[in-house]
PDB file of N, CA and C in Angstrom:
ATOM      1  N   MET A   1     126.712 149.910 114.793  1.00  0.00           N
ATOM      2  CA  MET A   1     125.797 150.964 115.235  1.00  0.00           C
ATOM      3  C   MET A   1     125.411 150.690 116.682  1.00  0.00           C
ATOM      4  N   LYS A   2     125.375 151.703 117.466  1.00  0.00           N
ATOM      5  CA  LYS A   2     125.032 151.547 118.874  1.00  0.00           C
ATOM      6  C   LYS A   2     123.568 151.131 119.003  1.00  0.00           C
ATOM      7  N   PHE A   3     123.300 150.293 120.004  1.00  0.00           N
ATOM      8  CA  PHE A   3     121.975 149.705 120.162  1.00  0.00           C
ATOM      9  C   PHE A   3     120.876 150.745 120.364  1.00  0.00           C
ATOM     10  N   ILE A   4     121.079 151.687 121.262  1.00  0.00           N
ATOM     11  CA  ILE A   4     120.029 152.681 121.523  1.00  0.00           C
ATOM     12  C   ILE A   4     119.835 153.579 120.315  1.00  0.00           C
ATOM     13  N   THR A   5     120.900 153.916 119.634  1.00  0.00           N
ATOM     14  CA  THR A   5     120.788 154.689 118.405  1.00  0.00           C
ATOM     15  C   THR A   5     119.938 153.928 117.408  1.00  0.00           C
ATOM     16  N   ALA A   6     120.177 152.644 117.304  1.00  0.00           N
ATOM     17  CA  ALA A   6     119.425 151.818 116.357  1.00  0.00           C
ATOM     18  C   ALA A   6     117.939 151.798 116.676  1.00  0.00           C
ATOM     19  N   ILE A   7     117.575 151.636 117.946  1.00  0.00           N
ATOM     20  CA  ILE A   7     116.141 151.598 118.250  1.00  0.00           C
ATOM     21  C   ILE A   7     115.508 152.968 118.072  1.00  0.00           C
ATOM     22  N   THR A   8     116.258 154.025 118.380  1.00  0.00           N
ATOM     23  CA  THR A   8     115.738 155.378 118.193  1.00  0.00           C
ATOM     24  C   THR A   8     115.463 155.630 116.716  1.00  0.00           C
ATOM     25  N   LEU A   9     116.421 155.281 115.886  1.00  0.00           N
ATOM     26  CA  LEU A   9     116.267 155.491 114.449  1.00  0.00           C
ATOM     27  C   LEU A   9     115.187 154.589 113.858  1.00  0.00           C
ATOM     28  N   SER A  10     115.065 153.374 114.367  1.00  0.00           N
ATOM     29  CA  SER A  10     114.059 152.463 113.819  1.00  0.00           C
ATOM     30  C   SER A  10     112.641 152.967 114.063  1.00  0.00           C
ATOM     31  N   LEU A  11     112.482 153.775 115.116  1.00  0.00           N
ATOM     32  CA  LEU A  11     111.169 154.346 115.401  1.00  0.00           C
ATOM     33  C   LEU A  11     111.001 155.721 114.751  1.00  0.00           C
ATOM     34  N   GLY A  12     112.046 156.216 114.113  1.00  0.00           N
ATOM     35  CA  GLY A  12     111.966 157.515 113.468  1.00  0.00           C
ATOM     36  C   GLY A  12     111.966 158.669 114.457  1.00  0.00           C
ATOM     37  N   LEU A  13     112.531 158.446 115.629  1.00  0.00           N
ATOM     38  CA  LEU A  13     112.587 159.485 116.656  1.00  0.00           C
ATOM     39  C   LEU A  13     113.984 160.066 116.689  1.00  0.00           C
ATOM     40  N   ALA A  14     114.077 161.358 116.594  1.00  0.00           N
ATOM     41  CA  ALA A  14     115.389 162.015 116.641  1.00  0.00           C
ATOM     42  C   ALA A  14     115.655 162.471 118.061  1.00  0.00           C
ATOM     43  N   GLN A  15     116.549 161.813 118.737  1.00  0.00           N
ATOM     44  CA  GLN A  15     116.912 162.153 120.106  1.00  0.00           C
ATOM     45  C   GLN A  15     118.430 162.191 120.199  1.00  0.00           C
ATOM     46  N   PRO A  16     119.057 163.365 120.025  1.00  0.00           N
ATOM     47  CA  PRO A  16     120.519 163.433 120.046  1.00  0.00           C
ATOM     48  C   PRO A  16     121.142 162.849 121.307  1.00  0.00           C
ATOM     49  N   LEU A  17     120.546 163.072 122.455  1.00  0.00           N
ATOM     50  CA  LEU A  17     121.093 162.546 123.697  1.00  0.00           C
ATOM     51  C   LEU A  17     121.113 161.025 123.663  1.00  0.00           C
ATOM     52  N   LEU A  18     120.039 160.438 123.179  1.00  0.00           N
ATOM     53  CA  LEU A  18     119.957 158.986 123.140  1.00  0.00           C
ATOM     54  C   LEU A  18     120.940 158.407 122.139  1.00  0.00           C
ATOM     55  N   ALA A  19     121.208 159.127 121.076  1.00  0.00           N
ATOM     56  CA  ALA A  19     122.113 158.637 120.051  1.00  0.00           C
ATOM     57  C   ALA A  19     123.536 158.503 120.575  1.00  0.00           C
ATOM     58  N   GLN A  20     123.861 159.162 121.675  1.00  0.00           N
ATOM     59  CA  GLN A  20     125.199 159.086 122.230  1.00  0.00           C
ATOM     60  C   GLN A  20     125.361 157.915 123.197  1.00  0.00           C
ATOM     61  N   ALA A  21     124.269 157.318 123.603  1.00  0.00           N
ATOM     62  CA  ALA A  21     124.339 156.248 124.599  1.00  0.00           C
ATOM     63  C   ALA A  21     124.910 154.982 123.984  1.00  0.00           C
ATOM     64  N   GLU A  22     125.590 154.230 124.788  1.00  0.00           N
ATOM     65  CA  GLU A  22     126.156 152.974 124.333  1.00  0.00           C
ATOM     66  C   GLU A  22     125.811 151.904 125.355  1.00  0.00           C
ATOM     67  N   VAL A  23     125.344 150.770 124.870  1.00  0.00           N
ATOM     68  CA  VAL A  23     124.993 149.671 125.755  1.00  0.00           C
ATOM     69  C   VAL A  23     126.181 148.725 125.817  1.00  0.00           C
ATOM     70  N   THR A  24     126.630 148.455 127.011  1.00  0.00           N
ATOM     71  CA  THR A  24     127.746 147.539 127.189  1.00  0.00           C
ATOM     72  C   THR A  24     127.201 146.144 127.464  1.00  0.00           C
ATOM     73  N   GLU A  25     128.091 145.202 127.720  1.00  0.00           N
ATOM     74  CA  GLU A  25     127.664 143.835 127.967  1.00  0.00           C
ATOM     75  C   GLU A  25     126.692 143.763 129.146  1.00  0.00           C
ATOM     76  N   VAL A  26     126.991 144.475 130.220  1.00  0.00           N
ATOM     77  CA  VAL A  26     126.067 144.588 131.342  1.00  0.00           C
ATOM     78  C   VAL A  26     125.366 145.924 131.169  1.00  0.00           C
ATOM     79  N   MET A  27     124.092 145.885 130.883  1.00  0.00           N
ATOM     80  CA  MET A  27     123.366 147.098 130.546  1.00  0.00           C
ATOM     81  C   MET A  27     123.216 148.003 131.756  1.00  0.00           C
ATOM     82  N   PRO A  28     123.788 149.202 131.724  1.00  0.00           N
ATOM     83  CA  PRO A  28     123.662 150.103 132.864  1.00  0.00           C
ATOM     84  C   PRO A  28     122.255 150.668 132.981  1.00  0.00           C
ATOM     85  N   CYS A  29     121.928 151.067 134.178  1.00  0.00           N
ATOM     86  CA  CYS A  29     120.583 151.580 134.431  1.00  0.00           C
ATOM     87  C   CYS A  29     120.281 152.844 133.645  1.00  0.00           C
ATOM     88  N   GLU A  30     121.289 153.643 133.356  1.00  0.00           N
ATOM     89  CA  GLU A  30     121.060 154.834 132.534  1.00  0.00           C
ATOM     90  C   GLU A  30     120.566 154.450 131.153  1.00  0.00           C
ATOM     91  N   ALA A  31     121.151 153.401 130.575  1.00  0.00           N
ATOM     92  CA  ALA A  31     120.722 152.938 129.260  1.00  0.00           C
ATOM     93  C   ALA A  31     119.309 152.365 129.316  1.00  0.00           C
ATOM     94  N   VAL A  32     118.991 151.673 130.406  1.00  0.00           N
ATOM     95  CA  VAL A  32     117.629 151.156 130.588  1.00  0.00           C
ATOM     96  C   VAL A  32     116.643 152.322 130.572  1.00  0.00           C
ATOM     97  N   GLY A  33     116.990 153.388 131.289  1.00  0.00           N
ATOM     98  CA  GLY A  33     116.130 154.572 131.317  1.00  0.00           C
ATOM     99  C   GLY A  33     115.990 155.214 129.954  1.00  0.00           C
ATOM    100  N   GLU A  34     117.076 155.249 129.188  1.00  0.00           N
ATOM    101  CA  GLU A  34     117.021 155.851 127.858  1.00  0.00           C
ATOM    102  C   GLU A  34     116.134 155.038 126.914  1.00  0.00           C
ATOM    103  N   ILE A  35     116.207 153.722 127.034  1.00  0.00           N
ATOM    104  CA  ILE A  35     115.326 152.871 126.226  1.00  0.00           C
ATOM    105  C   ILE A  35     113.874 153.118 126.621  1.00  0.00           C
ATOM    106  N   ALA A  36     113.607 153.231 127.915  1.00  0.00           N
ATOM    107  CA  ALA A  36     112.252 153.520 128.390  1.00  0.00           C
ATOM    108  C   ALA A  36     111.764 154.851 127.815  1.00  0.00           C
ATOM    109  N   TYR A  37     112.644 155.848 127.796  1.00  0.00           N
ATOM    110  CA  TYR A  37     112.289 157.167 127.259  1.00  0.00           C
ATOM    111  C   TYR A  37     111.925 157.069 125.775  1.00  0.00           C
ATOM    112  N   VAL A  38     112.705 156.313 125.017  1.00  0.00           N
ATOM    113  CA  VAL A  38     112.428 156.143 123.581  1.00  0.00           C
ATOM    114  C   VAL A  38     111.084 155.459 123.372  1.00  0.00           C
ATOM    115  N   ILE A  39     110.819 154.424 124.159  1.00  0.00           N
ATOM    116  CA  ILE A  39     109.555 153.700 124.015  1.00  0.00           C
ATOM    117  C   ILE A  39     108.373 154.590 124.382  1.00  0.00           C
ATOM    118  N   MET A  40     108.482 155.349 125.468  1.00  0.00           N
ATOM    119  CA  MET A  40     107.390 156.246 125.827  1.00  0.00           C
ATOM    120  C   MET A  40     107.256 157.376 124.809  1.00  0.00           C
ATOM    121  N   SER A  41     108.353 157.778 124.197  1.00  0.00           N
ATOM    122  CA  SER A  41     108.281 158.786 123.127  1.00  0.00           C
ATOM    123  C   SER A  41     107.434 158.271 121.974  1.00  0.00           C
ATOM    124  N   ALA A  42     107.619 157.002 121.639  1.00  0.00           N
ATOM    125  CA  ALA A  42     106.807 156.391 120.575  1.00  0.00           C
ATOM    126  C   ALA A  42     105.339 156.375 120.981  1.00  0.00           C
ATOM    127  N   ARG A  43     105.084 156.035 122.225  1.00  0.00           N
ATOM    128  CA  ARG A  43     103.698 156.020 122.730  1.00  0.00           C
ATOM    129  C   ARG A  43     103.078 157.403 122.652  1.00  0.00           C
ATOM    130  N   GLN A  44     103.797 158.409 123.122  1.00  0.00           N
ATOM    131  CA  GLN A  44     103.258 159.770 123.144  1.00  0.00           C
ATOM    132  C   GLN A  44     103.171 160.373 121.745  1.00  0.00           C
ATOM    133  N   ALA A  45     103.927 159.828 120.791  1.00  0.00           N
ATOM    134  CA  ALA A  45     103.847 160.281 119.399  1.00  0.00           C
ATOM    135  C   ALA A  45     102.667 159.654 118.670  1.00  0.00           C
ATOM    136  N   GLY A  46     101.989 158.716 119.332  1.00  0.00           N
ATOM    137  CA  GLY A  46     100.813 158.096 118.733  1.00  0.00           C
ATOM    138  C   GLY A  46     101.116 156.921 117.830  1.00  0.00           C
ATOM    139  N   MET A  47     102.298 156.360 117.961  1.00  0.00           N
ATOM    140  CA  MET A  47     102.639 155.198 117.134  1.00  0.00           C
ATOM    141  C   MET A  47     101.791 153.998 117.543  1.00  0.00           C
ATOM    142  N   ILE A  48     101.592 153.118 116.619  1.00  0.00           N
ATOM    143  CA  ILE A  48     100.810 151.904 116.847  1.00  0.00           C
ATOM    144  C   ILE A  48     101.696 150.881 117.578  1.00  0.00           C
ATOM    145  N   MET A  49     101.154 150.288 118.633  1.00  0.00           N
ATOM    146  CA  MET A  49     101.911 149.359 119.454  1.00  0.00           C
ATOM    147  C   MET A  49     102.504 148.217 118.635  1.00  0.00           C
ATOM    148  N   SER A  50     101.734 147.626 117.755  1.00  0.00           N
ATOM    149  CA  SER A  50     102.248 146.491 116.972  1.00  0.00           C
ATOM    150  C   SER A  50     103.392 146.914 116.062  1.00  0.00           C
ATOM    151  N   ASP A  51     103.371 148.154 115.565  1.00  0.00           N
ATOM    152  CA  ASP A  51     104.484 148.653 114.750  1.00  0.00           C
ATOM    153  C   ASP A  51     105.747 148.800 115.598  1.00  0.00           C
ATOM    154  N   VAL A  52     105.595 149.330 116.797  1.00  0.00           N
ATOM    155  CA  VAL A  52     106.740 149.500 117.689  1.00  0.00           C
ATOM    156  C   VAL A  52     107.312 148.134 118.058  1.00  0.00           C
ATOM    157  N   ARG A  53     106.456 147.205 118.380  1.00  0.00           N
ATOM    158  CA  ARG A  53     106.919 145.849 118.720  1.00  0.00           C
ATOM    159  C   ARG A  53     107.681 145.233 117.549  1.00  0.00           C
ATOM    160  N   ALA A  54     107.128 145.355 116.346  1.00  0.00           N
ATOM    161  CA  ALA A  54     107.768 144.769 115.171  1.00  0.00           C
ATOM    162  C   ALA A  54     109.138 145.388 114.912  1.00  0.00           C
ATOM    163  N   ARG A  55     109.255 146.683 115.137  1.00  0.00           N
ATOM    164  CA  ARG A  55     110.525 147.362 114.875  1.00  0.00           C
ATOM    165  C   ARG A  55     111.565 147.111 115.954  1.00  0.00           C
ATOM    166  N   LEU A  56     111.132 146.982 117.194  1.00  0.00           N
ATOM    167  CA  LEU A  56     112.091 146.872 118.295  1.00  0.00           C
ATOM    168  C   LEU A  56     112.431 145.443 118.695  1.00  0.00           C
ATOM    169  N   LEU A  57     111.505 144.540 118.535  1.00  0.00           N
ATOM    170  CA  LEU A  57     111.734 143.182 119.035  1.00  0.00           C
ATOM    171  C   LEU A  57     112.300 142.293 117.939  1.00  0.00           C
ATOM    172  N   SER A  58     113.427 142.695 117.415  1.00  0.00           N
ATOM    173  CA  SER A  58     114.106 141.954 116.362  1.00  0.00           C
ATOM    174  C   SER A  58     115.240 141.141 116.984  1.00  0.00           C
ATOM    175  N   GLU A  59     115.965 140.436 116.136  1.00  0.00           N
ATOM    176  CA  GLU A  59     117.105 139.665 116.619  1.00  0.00           C
ATOM    177  C   GLU A  59     118.178 140.572 117.215  1.00  0.00           C
ATOM    178  N   GLU A  60     118.271 141.812 116.732  1.00  0.00           N
ATOM    179  CA  GLU A  60     119.255 142.752 117.256  1.00  0.00           C
ATOM    180  C   GLU A  60     119.014 143.049 118.734  1.00  0.00           C
ATOM    181  N   ALA A  61     117.769 142.972 119.173  1.00  0.00           N
ATOM    182  CA  ALA A  61     117.448 143.264 120.570  1.00  0.00           C
ATOM    183  C   ALA A  61     118.030 142.206 121.497  1.00  0.00           C
ATOM    184  N   GLY A  62     118.161 141.004 120.995  1.00  0.00           N
ATOM    185  CA  GLY A  62     118.796 139.924 121.749  1.00  0.00           C
ATOM    186  C   GLY A  62     118.234 139.752 123.141  1.00  0.00           C
ATOM    187  N   VAL A  63     119.130 139.778 124.130  1.00  0.00           N
ATOM    188  CA  VAL A  63     118.734 139.524 125.512  1.00  0.00           C
ATOM    189  C   VAL A  63     117.855 140.636 126.076  1.00  0.00           C
ATOM    190  N   TYR A  64     117.776 141.776 125.398  1.00  0.00           N
ATOM    191  CA  TYR A  64     116.983 142.895 125.895  1.00  0.00           C
ATOM    192  C   TYR A  64     115.551 142.885 125.376  1.00  0.00           C
ATOM    193  N   SER A  65     115.213 141.929 124.516  1.00  0.00           N
ATOM    194  CA  SER A  65     113.885 141.934 123.909  1.00  0.00           C
ATOM    195  C   SER A  65     112.774 141.740 124.944  1.00  0.00           C
ATOM    196  N   ASP A  66     112.983 140.888 125.950  1.00  0.00           N
ATOM    197  CA  ASP A  66     111.952 140.689 126.976  1.00  0.00           C
ATOM    198  C   ASP A  66     111.717 141.974 127.766  1.00  0.00           C
ATOM    199  N   MET A  67     112.811 142.653 128.114  1.00  0.00           N
ATOM    200  CA  MET A  67     112.700 143.900 128.862  1.00  0.00           C
ATOM    201  C   MET A  67     111.968 144.955 128.011  1.00  0.00           C
ATOM    202  N   MET A  68     112.353 145.068 126.746  1.00  0.00           N
ATOM    203  CA  MET A  68     111.716 146.072 125.895  1.00  0.00           C
ATOM    204  C   MET A  68     110.249 145.755 125.662  1.00  0.00           C
ATOM    205  N   GLU A  69     109.919 144.483 125.527  1.00  0.00           N
ATOM    206  CA  GLU A  69     108.511 144.119 125.353  1.00  0.00           C
ATOM    207  C   GLU A  69     107.702 144.530 126.578  1.00  0.00           C
ATOM    208  N   GLN A  70     108.247 144.301 127.773  1.00  0.00           N
ATOM    209  CA  GLN A  70     107.541 144.717 128.988  1.00  0.00           C
ATOM    210  C   GLN A  70     107.412 146.232 129.043  1.00  0.00           C
ATOM    211  N   PHE A  71     108.447 146.958 128.636  1.00  0.00           N
ATOM    212  CA  PHE A  71     108.383 148.420 128.599  1.00  0.00           C
ATOM    213  C   PHE A  71     107.299 148.884 127.632  1.00  0.00           C
ATOM    214  N   ILE A  72     107.182 148.206 126.491  1.00  0.00           N
ATOM    215  CA  ILE A  72     106.139 148.554 125.521  1.00  0.00           C
ATOM    216  C   ILE A  72     104.769 148.339 126.152  1.00  0.00           C
ATOM    217  N   PHE A  73     104.567 147.196 126.786  1.00  0.00           N
ATOM    218  CA  PHE A  73     103.284 146.936 127.454  1.00  0.00           C
ATOM    219  C   PHE A  73     102.986 148.020 128.490  1.00  0.00           C
ATOM    220  N   ASP A  74     103.985 148.327 129.307  1.00  0.00           N
ATOM    221  CA  ASP A  74     103.795 149.331 130.354  1.00  0.00           C
ATOM    222  C   ASP A  74     103.478 150.703 129.762  1.00  0.00           C
ATOM    223  N   ALA A  75     104.156 151.075 128.692  1.00  0.00           N
ATOM    224  CA  ALA A  75     103.931 152.388 128.070  1.00  0.00           C
ATOM    225  C   ALA A  75     102.533 152.501 127.488  1.00  0.00           C
ATOM    226  N   TRP A  76     102.065 151.422 126.868  1.00  0.00           N
ATOM    227  CA  TRP A  76     100.737 151.487 126.239  1.00  0.00           C
ATOM    228  C   TRP A  76      99.602 151.354 127.253  1.00  0.00           C
ATOM    229  N   GLU A  77      99.924 151.074 128.484  1.00  0.00           N
ATOM    230  CA  GLU A  77      98.914 151.126 129.541  1.00  0.00           C
ATOM    231  C   GLU A  77      98.716 152.547 130.042  1.00  0.00           C
ATOM    232  N   LYS A  78      99.600 153.445 129.633  1.00  0.00           N
ATOM    233  CA  LYS A  78      99.499 154.861 130.001  1.00  0.00           C
ATOM    234  C   LYS A  78      98.752 155.602 128.898  1.00  0.00           C
ATOM    235  N   PRO A  79      98.052 156.680 129.238  1.00  0.00           N
ATOM    236  CA  PRO A  79      97.346 157.454 128.204  1.00  0.00           C
ATOM    237  C   PRO A  79      98.312 158.260 127.338  1.00  0.00           C
ATOM    238  N   GLN A  80      97.840 158.551 126.142  1.00  0.00           N
ATOM    239  CA  GLN A  80      98.580 159.455 125.265  1.00  0.00           C
ATOM    240  C   GLN A  80      98.086 160.863 125.562  1.00  0.00           C
ATOM    241  N   PHE A  81      98.997 161.773 125.832  1.00  0.00           N
ATOM    242  CA  PHE A  81      98.621 163.122 126.218  1.00  0.00           C
ATOM    243  C   PHE A  81      98.640 164.063 125.029  1.00  0.00           C
ATOM    244  N   MET A  82      97.987 165.201 125.192  1.00  0.00           N
ATOM    245  CA  MET A  82      97.833 166.152 124.091  1.00  0.00           C
ATOM    246  C   MET A  82      98.912 167.231 124.066  1.00  0.00           C
ATOM    247  N   THR A  83      99.278 167.788 125.208  1.00  0.00           N
ATOM    248  CA  THR A  83     100.221 168.899 125.203  1.00  0.00           C
ATOM    249  C   THR A  83     101.661 168.391 125.284  1.00  0.00           C
ATOM    250  N   GLU A  84     102.563 169.104 124.644  1.00  0.00           N
ATOM    251  CA  GLU A  84     103.970 168.707 124.626  1.00  0.00           C
ATOM    252  C   GLU A  84     104.571 168.701 126.030  1.00  0.00           C
ATOM    253  N   GLU A  85     104.162 169.639 126.845  1.00  0.00           N
ATOM    254  CA  GLU A  85     104.683 169.711 128.212  1.00  0.00           C
ATOM    255  C   GLU A  85     104.337 168.458 129.004  1.00  0.00           C
ATOM    256  N   ILE A  86     103.108 168.010 128.902  1.00  0.00           N
ATOM    257  CA  ILE A  86     102.682 166.821 129.648  1.00  0.00           C
ATOM    258  C   ILE A  86     103.290 165.565 129.032  1.00  0.00           C
ATOM    259  N   LYS A  87     103.420 165.522 127.713  1.00  0.00           N
ATOM    260  CA  LYS A  87     104.069 164.386 127.065  1.00  0.00           C
ATOM    261  C   LYS A  87     105.504 164.240 127.560  1.00  0.00           C
ATOM    262  N   GLU A  88     106.226 165.345 127.613  1.00  0.00           N
ATOM    263  CA  GLU A  88     107.619 165.308 128.063  1.00  0.00           C
ATOM    264  C   GLU A  88     107.704 164.878 129.526  1.00  0.00           C
ATOM    265  N   ARG A  89     106.801 165.375 130.340  1.00  0.00           N
ATOM    266  CA  ARG A  89     106.780 164.977 131.749  1.00  0.00           C
ATOM    267  C   ARG A  89     106.525 163.470 131.879  1.00  0.00           C
ATOM    268  N   GLU A  90     105.617 162.937 131.088  1.00  0.00           N
ATOM    269  CA  GLU A  90     105.305 161.506 131.126  1.00  0.00           C
ATOM    270  C   GLU A  90     106.500 160.669 130.670  1.00  0.00           C
ATOM    271  N   LYS A  91     107.207 161.114 129.641  1.00  0.00           N
ATOM    272  CA  LYS A  91     108.386 160.395 129.157  1.00  0.00           C
ATOM    273  C   LYS A  91     109.464 160.345 130.240  1.00  0.00           C
ATOM    274  N   LYS A  92     109.698 161.472 130.892  1.00  0.00           N
ATOM    275  CA  LYS A  92     110.720 161.521 131.949  1.00  0.00           C
ATOM    276  C   LYS A  92     110.309 160.691 133.157  1.00  0.00           C
ATOM    277  N   GLU A  93     109.037 160.721 133.495  1.00  0.00           N
ATOM    278  CA  GLU A  93     108.553 159.928 134.628  1.00  0.00           C
ATOM    279  C   GLU A  93     108.713 158.433 134.346  1.00  0.00           C
ATOM    280  N   PHE A  94     108.379 158.011 133.137  1.00  0.00           N
ATOM    281  CA  PHE A  94     108.525 156.611 132.741  1.00  0.00           C
ATOM    282  C   PHE A  94     109.997 156.206 132.794  1.00  0.00           C
ATOM    283  N   GLN A  95     110.872 157.057 132.296  1.00  0.00           N
ATOM    284  CA  GLN A  95     112.304 156.810 132.340  1.00  0.00           C
ATOM    285  C   GLN A  95     112.773 156.661 133.785  1.00  0.00           C
ATOM    286  N   ASN A  96     112.362 157.563 134.637  1.00  0.00           N
ATOM    287  CA  ASN A  96     112.761 157.507 136.048  1.00  0.00           C
ATOM    288  C   ASN A  96     112.269 156.247 136.739  1.00  0.00           C
ATOM    289  N   GLN A  97     111.035 155.824 136.436  1.00  0.00           N
ATOM    290  CA  GLN A  97     110.499 154.606 137.048  1.00  0.00           C
ATOM    291  C   GLN A  97     111.340 153.391 136.674  1.00  0.00           C
ATOM    292  N   LYS A  98     111.716 153.299 135.409  1.00  0.00           N
ATOM    293  CA  LYS A  98     112.486 152.140 134.944  1.00  0.00           C
ATOM    294  C   LYS A  98     113.916 152.176 135.489  1.00  0.00           C
ATOM    295  N   GLU A  99     114.504 153.368 135.568  1.00  0.00           N
ATOM    296  CA  GLU A  99     115.838 153.478 136.148  1.00  0.00           C
ATOM    297  C   GLU A  99     115.808 153.097 137.626  1.00  0.00           C
ATOM    298  N   LEU A 100     114.819 153.561 138.349  1.00  0.00           N
ATOM    299  CA  LEU A 100     114.699 153.240 139.769  1.00  0.00           C
ATOM    300  C   LEU A 100     114.607 151.728 139.970  1.00  0.00           C
ATOM    301  N   ALA A 101     113.765 151.068 139.188  1.00  0.00           N
ATOM    302  CA  ALA A 101     113.636 149.617 139.306  1.00  0.00           C
ATOM    303  C   ALA A 101     114.972 148.925 139.021  1.00  0.00           C
ATOM    304  N   CYS A 102     115.692 149.425 138.043  1.00  0.00           N
ATOM    305  CA  CYS A 102     116.996 148.863 137.695  1.00  0.00           C
ATOM    306  C   CYS A 102     117.993 149.036 138.833  1.00  0.00           C
ATOM    307  N   TYR A 103     118.094 150.240 139.346  1.00  0.00           N
ATOM    308  CA  TYR A 103     119.040 150.494 140.446  1.00  0.00           C
ATOM    309  C   TYR A 103     118.695 149.653 141.674  1.00  0.00           C
ATOM    310  N   LYS A 104     117.417 149.502 141.960  1.00  0.00           N
ATOM    311  CA  LYS A 104     117.015 148.666 143.094  1.00  0.00           C
ATOM    312  C   LYS A 104     117.413 147.218 142.869  1.00  0.00           C
ATOM    313  N   ALA A 105     117.231 146.740 141.636  1.00  0.00           N
ATOM    314  CA  ALA A 105     117.596 145.355 141.323  1.00  0.00           C
ATOM    315  C   ALA A 105     119.096 145.140 141.478  1.00  0.00           C
ATOM    316  N   TYR A 106     119.900 146.082 141.011  1.00  0.00           N
ATOM    317  CA  TYR A 106     121.355 145.971 141.176  1.00  0.00           C
ATOM    318  C   TYR A 106     121.741 146.006 142.651  1.00  0.00           C
ATOM    319  N   LYS A 107     121.093 146.860 143.430  1.00  0.00           N
ATOM    320  CA  LYS A 107     121.397 146.953 144.855  1.00  0.00           C
ATOM    321  C   LYS A 107     121.074 145.635 145.563  1.00  0.00           C
ATOM    322  N   LEU A 108     119.920 145.059 145.252  1.00  0.00           N
ATOM    323  CA  LEU A 108     119.537 143.768 145.855  1.00  0.00           C
ATOM    324  C   LEU A 108     120.521 142.673 145.452  1.00  0.00           C
ATOM    325  N   ARG A 109     120.928 142.694 144.188  1.00  0.00           N
ATOM    326  CA  ARG A 109     121.878 141.689 143.706  1.00  0.00           C
ATOM    327  C   ARG A 109     123.209 141.819 144.436  1.00  0.00           C
ATOM    328  N   ASP A 110     123.664 143.062 144.599  1.00  0.00           N
ATOM    329  CA  ASP A 110     124.951 143.291 145.249  1.00  0.00           C
ATOM    330  C   ASP A 110     124.916 142.958 146.740  1.00  0.00           C
ATOM    331  N   GLU A 111     123.754 143.121 147.358  1.00  0.00           N
ATOM    332  CA  GLU A 111     123.627 142.822 148.795  1.00  0.00           C
ATOM    333  C   GLU A 111     123.448 141.342 149.040  1.00  0.00           C
ATOM    334  N   GLY A 112     122.944 140.638 148.034  1.00  0.00           N
ATOM    335  CA  GLY A 112     122.634 139.221 148.194  1.00  0.00           C
ATOM    336  C   GLY A 112     123.743 138.331 147.958  1.00  0.00           C
TER     337      GLY A 112
END
């Protein structure tokens, strides 16, 4: 089972786009953004942080568990919004922030 599909399903979130993503040995920034989107979706759905941590930070997460834990912390520092429009905007913004950080890190690595 693909990693992002697994985390999406473990949280009970149906995201067809995310279910198509595949994480390779070197995690691409698009996948990082998709994981961020799933985590913020859980936050905006009102899920309990400890439940999300328990479901996502398993042995299957492997080397990505530290990154996902930080994403969970970052997501729960944001407010939960009431309207679907604002929730969706917040999820996309969170995804974009994490992708940007990833792309910058790869650029610095490649230049160094």
